[in-house]
PDB file of N, CA and C in Angstrom:
ATOM      1  N   MET A   1       1.155 -32.985   8.793  1.00  0.00           N
ATOM      2  CA  MET A   1       2.573 -33.059   8.515  1.00  0.00           C
ATOM      3  C   MET A   1       3.171 -31.666   8.642  1.00  0.00           C
ATOM      4  N   SER A   2       4.264 -31.559   9.323  1.00  0.00           N
ATOM      5  CA  SER A   2       4.915 -30.261   9.463  1.00  0.00           C
ATOM      6  C   SER A   2       6.358 -30.360   8.989  1.00  0.00           C
ATOM      7  N   THR A   3       6.886 -29.240   8.609  1.00  0.00           N
ATOM      8  CA  THR A   3       8.238 -29.173   8.086  1.00  0.00           C
ATOM      9  C   THR A   3       8.987 -28.061   8.794  1.00  0.00           C
ATOM     10  N   MET A   4      10.218 -28.315   9.161  1.00  0.00           N
ATOM     11  CA  MET A   4      11.045 -27.266   9.729  1.00  0.00           C
ATOM     12  C   MET A   4      11.697 -26.531   8.567  1.00  0.00           C
ATOM     13  N   THR A   5      11.446 -25.236   8.483  1.00  0.00           N
ATOM     14  CA  THR A   5      12.013 -24.490   7.364  1.00  0.00           C
ATOM     15  C   THR A   5      13.317 -23.807   7.739  1.00  0.00           C
ATOM     16  N   TYR A   6      13.388 -23.248   8.940  1.00  0.00           N
ATOM     17  CA  TYR A   6      14.601 -22.542   9.306  1.00  0.00           C
ATOM     18  C   TYR A   6      14.714 -22.477  10.823  1.00  0.00           C
ATOM     19  N   PRO A   7      15.690 -23.158  11.394  1.00  0.00           N
ATOM     20  CA  PRO A   7      15.850 -23.062  12.843  1.00  0.00           C
ATOM     21  C   PRO A   7      16.357 -21.665  13.224  1.00  0.00           C
ATOM     22  N   MET A   8      15.855 -21.147  14.313  1.00  0.00           N
ATOM     23  CA  MET A   8      16.235 -19.794  14.727  1.00  0.00           C
ATOM     24  C   MET A   8      16.926 -19.816  16.083  1.00  0.00           C
ATOM     25  N   ARG A   9      17.854 -18.927  16.233  1.00  0.00           N
ATOM     26  CA  ARG A   9      18.450 -18.674  17.538  1.00  0.00           C
ATOM     27  C   ARG A   9      18.111 -17.228  17.869  1.00  0.00           C
ATOM     28  N   LEU A  10      17.570 -17.032  19.065  1.00  0.00           N
ATOM     29  CA  LEU A  10      17.169 -15.698  19.472  1.00  0.00           C
ATOM     30  C   LEU A  10      18.073 -15.205  20.590  1.00  0.00           C
ATOM     31  N   LYS A  11      18.281 -13.910  20.606  1.00  0.00           N
ATOM     32  CA  LYS A  11      18.990 -13.297  21.726  1.00  0.00           C
ATOM     33  C   LYS A  11      18.065 -13.389  22.929  1.00  0.00           C
ATOM     34  N   PRO A  12      18.631 -13.459  24.128  1.00  0.00           N
ATOM     35  CA  PRO A  12      17.788 -13.598  25.334  1.00  0.00           C
ATOM     36  C   PRO A  12      16.714 -12.511  25.461  1.00  0.00           C
ATOM     37  N   GLU A  13      17.059 -11.273  25.132  1.00  0.00           N
ATOM     38  CA  GLU A  13      16.063 -10.198  25.260  1.00  0.00           C
ATOM     39  C   GLU A  13      14.939 -10.341  24.217  1.00  0.00           C
ATOM     40  N   GLU A  14      15.289 -10.820  23.015  1.00  0.00           N
ATOM     41  CA  GLU A  14      14.263 -11.062  21.997  1.00  0.00           C
ATOM     42  C   GLU A  14      13.350 -12.203  22.436  1.00  0.00           C
ATOM     43  N   LYS A  15      13.948 -13.236  22.999  1.00  0.00           N
ATOM     44  CA  LYS A  15      13.169 -14.378  23.460  1.00  0.00           C
ATOM     45  C   LYS A  15      12.162 -13.945  24.521  1.00  0.00           C
ATOM     46  N   MET A  16      12.593 -13.112  25.430  1.00  0.00           N
ATOM     47  CA  MET A  16      11.692 -12.637  26.485  1.00  0.00           C
ATOM     48  C   MET A  16      10.546 -11.808  25.906  1.00  0.00           C
ATOM     49  N   LEU A  17      10.845 -10.979  24.918  1.00  0.00           N
ATOM     50  CA  LEU A  17       9.786 -10.187  24.282  1.00  0.00           C
ATOM     51  C   LEU A  17       8.746 -11.091  23.619  1.00  0.00           C
ATOM     52  N   PHE A  18       9.214 -12.097  22.875  1.00  0.00           N
ATOM     53  CA  PHE A  18       8.291 -13.018  22.210  1.00  0.00           C
ATOM     54  C   PHE A  18       7.493 -13.834  23.223  1.00  0.00           C
ATOM     55  N   GLN A  19       8.165 -14.303  24.281  1.00  0.00           N
ATOM     56  CA  GLN A  19       7.472 -15.090  25.297  1.00  0.00           C
ATOM     57  C   GLN A  19       6.403 -14.259  26.007  1.00  0.00           C
ATOM     58  N   THR A  20       6.719 -13.019  26.302  1.00  0.00           N
ATOM     59  CA  THR A  20       5.752 -12.140  26.956  1.00  0.00           C
ATOM     60  C   THR A  20       4.547 -11.899  26.051  1.00  0.00           C
ATOM     61  N   ALA A  21       4.799 -11.634  24.782  1.00  0.00           N
ATOM     62  CA  ALA A  21       3.707 -11.402  23.833  1.00  0.00           C
ATOM     63  C   ALA A  21       2.853 -12.658  23.673  1.00  0.00           C
ATOM     64  N   ALA A  22       3.483 -13.816  23.612  1.00  0.00           N
ATOM     65  CA  ALA A  22       2.751 -15.074  23.481  1.00  0.00           C
ATOM     66  C   ALA A  22       1.895 -15.325  24.720  1.00  0.00           C
ATOM     67  N   ARG A  23       2.445 -15.065  25.898  1.00  0.00           N
ATOM     68  CA  ARG A  23       1.702 -15.249  27.145  1.00  0.00           C
ATOM     69  C   ARG A  23       0.474 -14.335  27.183  1.00  0.00           C
ATOM     70  N   ARG A  24       0.646 -13.102  26.713  1.00  0.00           N
ATOM     71  CA  ARG A  24      -0.475 -12.147  26.693  1.00  0.00           C
ATOM     72  C   ARG A  24      -1.594 -12.620  25.766  1.00  0.00           C
ATOM     73  N   LYS A  25      -1.211 -13.264  24.667  1.00  0.00           N
ATOM     74  CA  LYS A  25      -2.213 -13.789  23.737  1.00  0.00           C
ATOM     75  C   LYS A  25      -2.751 -15.143  24.176  1.00  0.00           C
ATOM     76  N   GLY A  26      -2.106 -15.752  25.144  1.00  0.00           N
ATOM     77  CA  GLY A  26      -2.564 -17.033  25.665  1.00  0.00           C
ATOM     78  C   GLY A  26      -2.227 -18.216  24.778  1.00  0.00           C
ATOM     79  N   VAL A  27      -1.123 -18.119  24.040  1.00  0.00           N
ATOM     80  CA  VAL A  27      -0.685 -19.214  23.171  1.00  0.00           C
ATOM     81  C   VAL A  27       0.761 -19.563  23.490  1.00  0.00           C
ATOM     82  N   SER A  28       1.209 -20.683  22.947  1.00  0.00           N
ATOM     83  CA  SER A  28       2.604 -21.068  23.147  1.00  0.00           C
ATOM     84  C   SER A  28       3.506 -20.178  22.303  1.00  0.00           C
ATOM     85  N   LEU A  29       4.765 -20.175  22.647  1.00  0.00           N
ATOM     86  CA  LEU A  29       5.742 -19.383  21.891  1.00  0.00           C
ATOM     87  C   LEU A  29       5.799 -19.849  20.438  1.00  0.00           C
ATOM     88  N   ALA A  30       5.792 -21.161  20.230  1.00  0.00           N
ATOM     89  CA  ALA A  30       5.850 -21.699  18.865  1.00  0.00           C
ATOM     90  C   ALA A  30       4.634 -21.259  18.053  1.00  0.00           C
ATOM     91  N   GLU A  31       3.436 -21.337  18.645  1.00  0.00           N
ATOM     92  CA  GLU A  31       2.226 -20.926  17.920  1.00  0.00           C
ATOM     93  C   GLU A  31       2.233 -19.431  17.649  1.00  0.00           C
ATOM     94  N   PHE A  32       2.733 -18.648  18.577  1.00  0.00           N
ATOM     95  CA  PHE A  32       2.836 -17.207  18.373  1.00  0.00           C
ATOM     96  C   PHE A  32       3.739 -16.897  17.186  1.00  0.00           C
ATOM     97  N   LEU A  33       4.897 -17.558  17.117  1.00  0.00           N
ATOM     98  CA  LEU A  33       5.829 -17.325  16.010  1.00  0.00           C
ATOM     99  C   LEU A  33       5.247 -17.819  14.683  1.00  0.00           C
ATOM    100  N   ARG A  34       4.522 -18.966  14.712  1.00  0.00           N
ATOM    101  CA  ARG A  34       3.870 -19.448  13.483  1.00  0.00           C
ATOM    102  C   ARG A  34       2.843 -18.446  12.982  1.00  0.00           C
ATOM    103  N   ALA A  35       2.031 -17.926  13.893  1.00  0.00           N
ATOM    104  CA  ALA A  35       1.004 -16.957  13.512  1.00  0.00           C
ATOM    105  C   ALA A  35       1.639 -15.688  12.938  1.00  0.00           C
ATOM    106  N   ALA A  36       2.730 -15.241  13.551  1.00  0.00           N
ATOM    107  CA  ALA A  36       3.426 -14.054  13.040  1.00  0.00           C
ATOM    108  C   ALA A  36       3.984 -14.318  11.643  1.00  0.00           C
ATOM    109  N   GLY A  37       4.519 -15.508  11.436  1.00  0.00           N
ATOM    110  CA  GLY A  37       5.041 -15.865  10.110  1.00  0.00           C
ATOM    111  C   GLY A  37       3.938 -15.933   9.064  1.00  0.00           C
ATOM    112  N   ARG A  38       2.798 -16.521   9.431  1.00  0.00           N
ATOM    113  CA  ARG A  38       1.674 -16.588   8.495  1.00  0.00           C
ATOM    114  C   ARG A  38       1.176 -15.193   8.139  1.00  0.00           C
ATOM    115  N   ALA A  39       1.062 -14.324   9.129  1.00  0.00           N
ATOM    116  CA  ALA A  39       0.591 -12.959   8.881  1.00  0.00           C
ATOM    117  C   ALA A  39       1.560 -12.206   7.967  1.00  0.00           C
ATOM    118  N   ALA A  40       2.848 -12.384   8.200  1.00  0.00           N
ATOM    119  CA  ALA A  40       3.846 -11.713   7.361  1.00  0.00           C
ATOM    120  C   ALA A  40       3.798 -12.248   5.931  1.00  0.00           C
ATOM    121  N   ALA A  41       3.623 -13.559   5.778  1.00  0.00           N
ATOM    122  CA  ALA A  41       3.552 -14.143   4.439  1.00  0.00           C
ATOM    123  C   ALA A  41       2.320 -13.653   3.698  1.00  0.00           C
ATOM    124  N   ARG A  42       1.181 -13.570   4.412  1.00  0.00           N
ATOM    125  CA  ARG A  42      -0.037 -13.070   3.773  1.00  0.00           C
ATOM    126  C   ARG A  42       0.114 -11.627   3.330  1.00  0.00           C
ATOM    127  N   SER A  43       0.781 -10.807   4.154  1.00  0.00           N
ATOM    128  CA  SER A  43       0.951  -9.401   3.802  1.00  0.00           C
ATOM    129  C   SER A  43       1.844  -9.229   2.575  1.00  0.00           C
ATOM    130  N   LEU A  44       2.706 -10.200   2.326  1.00  0.00           N
ATOM    131  CA  LEU A  44       3.569 -10.142   1.147  1.00  0.00           C
ATOM    132  C   LEU A  44       2.925 -10.792  -0.074  1.00  0.00           C
ATOM    133  N   GLY A  45       1.745 -11.362   0.113  1.00  0.00           N
ATOM    134  CA  GLY A  45       1.069 -12.010  -1.003  1.00  0.00           C
ATOM    135  C   GLY A  45       1.656 -13.363  -1.327  1.00  0.00           C
ATOM    136  N   ALA A  46       2.134 -14.085  -0.319  1.00  0.00           N
ATOM    137  CA  ALA A  46       2.792 -15.363  -0.557  1.00  0.00           C
ATOM    138  C   ALA A  46       1.810 -16.526  -0.684  1.00  0.00           C
ATOM    139  N   GLU A  47       0.520 -16.301  -0.389  1.00  0.00           N
ATOM    140  CA  GLU A  47      -0.420 -17.405  -0.496  1.00  0.00           C
ATOM    141  C   GLU A  47      -0.942 -17.516  -1.915  1.00  0.00           C
ATOM    142  N   PRO A  48      -1.385 -18.687  -2.324  1.00  0.00           N
ATOM    143  CA  PRO A  48      -1.897 -18.862  -3.686  1.00  0.00           C
ATOM    144  C   PRO A  48      -3.081 -17.943  -3.963  1.00  0.00           C
ATOM    145  N   ALA A  49      -3.196 -17.504  -5.204  1.00  0.00           N
ATOM    146  CA  ALA A  49      -4.276 -16.594  -5.579  1.00  0.00           C
ATOM    147  C   ALA A  49      -5.637 -17.210  -5.307  1.00  0.00           C
ATOM    148  N   SER A  50      -5.785 -18.504  -5.557  1.00  0.00           N
ATOM    149  CA  SER A  50      -7.077 -19.145  -5.339  1.00  0.00           C
ATOM    150  C   SER A  50      -7.474 -19.104  -3.865  1.00  0.00           C
ATOM    151  N   LEU A  51      -6.508 -19.280  -2.969  1.00  0.00           N
ATOM    152  CA  LEU A  51      -6.800 -19.229  -1.544  1.00  0.00           C
ATOM    153  C   LEU A  51      -7.162 -17.815  -1.121  1.00  0.00           C
ATOM    154  N   ALA A  52      -6.441 -16.850  -1.629  1.00  0.00           N
ATOM    155  CA  ALA A  52      -6.742 -15.454  -1.303  1.00  0.00           C
ATOM    156  C   ALA A  52      -8.130 -15.079  -1.799  1.00  0.00           C
ATOM    157  N   LEU A  53      -8.474 -15.534  -3.002  1.00  0.00           N
ATOM    158  CA  LEU A  53      -9.797 -15.233  -3.550  1.00  0.00           C
ATOM    159  C   LEU A  53     -10.900 -15.900  -2.745  1.00  0.00           C
ATOM    160  N   SER A  54     -10.718 -17.150  -2.390  1.00  0.00           N
ATOM    161  CA  SER A  54     -11.759 -17.844  -1.655  1.00  0.00           C
ATOM    162  C   SER A  54     -11.940 -17.260  -0.259  1.00  0.00           C
ATOM    163  N   ARG A  55     -10.862 -16.817   0.380  1.00  0.00           N
ATOM    164  CA  ARG A  55     -10.978 -16.174   1.692  1.00  0.00           C
ATOM    165  C   ARG A  55     -11.736 -14.858   1.586  1.00  0.00           C
ATOM    166  N   ALA A  56     -11.556 -14.169   0.471  1.00  0.00           N
ATOM    167  CA  ALA A  56     -12.215 -12.884   0.281  1.00  0.00           C
ATOM    168  C   ALA A  56     -13.650 -13.047  -0.202  1.00  0.00           C
ATOM    169  N   GLY A  57     -14.070 -14.275  -0.510  1.00  0.00           N
ATOM    170  CA  GLY A  57     -15.425 -14.497  -1.003  1.00  0.00           C
ATOM    171  C   GLY A  57     -15.604 -14.030  -2.428  1.00  0.00           C
ATOM    172  N   PHE A  58     -14.521 -13.991  -3.159  1.00  0.00           N
ATOM    173  CA  PHE A  58     -14.540 -13.498  -4.539  1.00  0.00           C
ATOM    174  C   PHE A  58     -15.218 -14.508  -5.452  1.00  0.00           C
ATOM    175  N   THR A  59     -16.070 -14.044  -6.333  1.00  0.00           N
ATOM    176  CA  THR A  59     -16.729 -14.942  -7.281  1.00  0.00           C
ATOM    177  C   THR A  59     -16.428 -14.488  -8.700  1.00  0.00           C
ATOM    178  N   LEU A  60     -16.443 -15.437  -9.609  1.00  0.00           N
ATOM    179  CA  LEU A  60     -16.196 -15.171 -11.025  1.00  0.00           C
ATOM    180  C   LEU A  60     -17.360 -15.755 -11.833  1.00  0.00           C
ATOM    181  N   PRO A  61     -18.544 -15.141 -11.792  1.00  0.00           N
ATOM    182  CA  PRO A  61     -19.706 -15.734 -12.441  1.00  0.00           C
ATOM    183  C   PRO A  61     -19.585 -15.851 -13.960  1.00  0.00           C
ATOM    184  N   GLU A  62     -18.797 -14.978 -14.592  1.00  0.00           N
ATOM    185  CA  GLU A  62     -18.684 -15.023 -16.051  1.00  0.00           C
ATOM    186  C   GLU A  62     -17.684 -16.062 -16.550  1.00  0.00           C
ATOM    187  N   GLN A  63     -16.961 -16.683 -15.625  1.00  0.00           N
ATOM    188  CA  GLN A  63     -15.968 -17.672 -16.017  1.00  0.00           C
ATOM    189  C   GLN A  63     -16.597 -19.044 -16.205  1.00  0.00           C
ATOM    190  N   PRO A  64     -16.062 -19.851 -17.128  1.00  0.00           N
ATOM    191  CA  PRO A  64     -16.608 -21.198 -17.320  1.00  0.00           C
ATOM    192  C   PRO A  64     -16.311 -22.093 -16.119  1.00  0.00           C
ATOM    193  N   GLY A  65     -17.135 -23.081 -15.904  1.00  0.00           N
ATOM    194  CA  GLY A  65     -16.940 -24.013 -14.804  1.00  0.00           C
ATOM    195  C   GLY A  65     -18.195 -24.151 -13.977  1.00  0.00           C
ATOM    196  N   LYS A  66     -18.327 -25.298 -13.348  1.00  0.00           N
ATOM    197  CA  LYS A  66     -19.534 -25.571 -12.573  1.00  0.00           C
ATOM    198  C   LYS A  66     -19.406 -25.089 -11.135  1.00  0.00           C
ATOM    199  N   THR A  67     -18.260 -25.288 -10.549  1.00  0.00           N
ATOM    200  CA  THR A  67     -18.095 -24.916  -9.144  1.00  0.00           C
ATOM    201  C   THR A  67     -17.224 -23.675  -9.027  1.00  0.00           C
ATOM    202  N   GLU A  68     -17.257 -23.077  -7.854  1.00  0.00           N
ATOM    203  CA  GLU A  68     -16.452 -21.889  -7.585  1.00  0.00           C
ATOM    204  C   GLU A  68     -14.969 -22.185  -7.766  1.00  0.00           C
ATOM    205  N   ARG A  69     -14.533 -23.360  -7.300  1.00  0.00           N
ATOM    206  CA  ARG A  69     -13.134 -23.749  -7.435  1.00  0.00           C
ATOM    207  C   ARG A  69     -12.730 -23.840  -8.908  1.00  0.00           C
ATOM    208  N   GLU A  70     -13.595 -24.433  -9.733  1.00  0.00           N
ATOM    209  CA  GLU A  70     -13.290 -24.538 -11.166  1.00  0.00           C
ATOM    210  C   GLU A  70     -13.237 -23.157 -11.812  1.00  0.00           C
ATOM    211  N   LYS A  71     -14.116 -22.264 -11.400  1.00  0.00           N
ATOM    212  CA  LYS A  71     -14.108 -20.904 -11.945  1.00  0.00           C
ATOM    213  C   LYS A  71     -12.810 -20.185 -11.590  1.00  0.00           C
ATOM    214  N   ILE A  72     -12.381 -20.330 -10.345  1.00  0.00           N
ATOM    215  CA  ILE A  72     -11.143 -19.679  -9.911  1.00  0.00           C
ATOM    216  C   ILE A  72      -9.952 -20.267 -10.655  1.00  0.00           C
ATOM    217  N   ARG A  73      -9.921 -21.615 -10.782  1.00  0.00           N
ATOM    218  CA  ARG A  73      -8.812 -22.247 -11.515  1.00  0.00           C
ATOM    219  C   ARG A  73      -8.777 -21.800 -12.965  1.00  0.00           C
ATOM    220  N   SER A  74      -9.939 -21.682 -13.607  1.00  0.00           N
ATOM    221  CA  SER A  74      -9.950 -21.259 -15.006  1.00  0.00           C
ATOM    222  C   SER A  74      -9.495 -19.810 -15.137  1.00  0.00           C
ATOM    223  N   ALA A  75      -9.844 -18.977 -14.151  1.00  0.00           N
ATOM    224  CA  ALA A  75      -9.392 -17.585 -14.180  1.00  0.00           C
ATOM    225  C   ALA A  75      -7.885 -17.502 -14.016  1.00  0.00           C
ATOM    226  N   ILE A  76      -7.337 -18.327 -13.143  1.00  0.00           N
ATOM    227  CA  ILE A  76      -5.891 -18.330 -12.947  1.00  0.00           C
ATOM    228  C   ILE A  76      -5.200 -18.823 -14.213  1.00  0.00           C
ATOM    229  N   THR A  77      -5.743 -19.885 -14.812  1.00  0.00           N
ATOM    230  CA  THR A  77      -5.175 -20.427 -16.039  1.00  0.00           C
ATOM    231  C   THR A  77      -5.211 -19.391 -17.157  1.00  0.00           C
ATOM    232  N   ALA A  78      -6.305 -18.660 -17.234  1.00  0.00           N
ATOM    233  CA  ALA A  78      -6.443 -17.629 -18.272  1.00  0.00           C
ATOM    234  C   ALA A  78      -5.722 -16.342 -17.898  1.00  0.00           C
ATOM    235  N   ARG A  79      -5.085 -16.349 -16.734  1.00  0.00           N
ATOM    236  CA  ARG A  79      -4.333 -15.196 -16.222  1.00  0.00           C
ATOM    237  C   ARG A  79      -5.203 -13.959 -16.015  1.00  0.00           C
ATOM    238  N   HIS A  80      -6.470 -14.172 -15.675  1.00  0.00           N
ATOM    239  CA  HIS A  80      -7.314 -13.051 -15.296  1.00  0.00           C
ATOM    240  C   HIS A  80      -7.015 -12.665 -13.861  1.00  0.00           C
ATOM    241  N   VAL A  81      -6.371 -13.566 -13.152  1.00  0.00           N
ATOM    242  CA  VAL A  81      -5.977 -13.341 -11.769  1.00  0.00           C
ATOM    243  C   VAL A  81      -4.477 -13.639 -11.695  1.00  0.00           C
ATOM    244  N   SER A  82      -3.731 -12.747 -11.064  1.00  0.00           N
ATOM    245  CA  SER A  82      -2.291 -13.002 -10.988  1.00  0.00           C
ATOM    246  C   SER A  82      -2.003 -14.208 -10.119  1.00  0.00           C
ATOM    247  N   ARG A  83      -0.962 -14.930 -10.445  1.00  0.00           N
ATOM    248  CA  ARG A  83      -0.587 -16.127  -9.676  1.00  0.00           C
ATOM    249  C   ARG A  83       0.175 -15.740  -8.452  1.00  0.00           C
TER     250      ARG A  83
END
């Protein structure tokens, strides 16, 4: 399922720059813009703490819970990890 968040209008010169960059990477313009948006969101810390922790391979052995996911959730609930 996908959602349109914000339709964009680009100036012709901006469009050409994005299209050229997308062609160089071998992806469509839409996928190039999605990837750029995801990278920008990650750099701002917009992803959930649990996802960031799991991508980093972070473990919380001292936290209660049987699975890694439960440990991360309990840490977030206890505010040992910022949300």
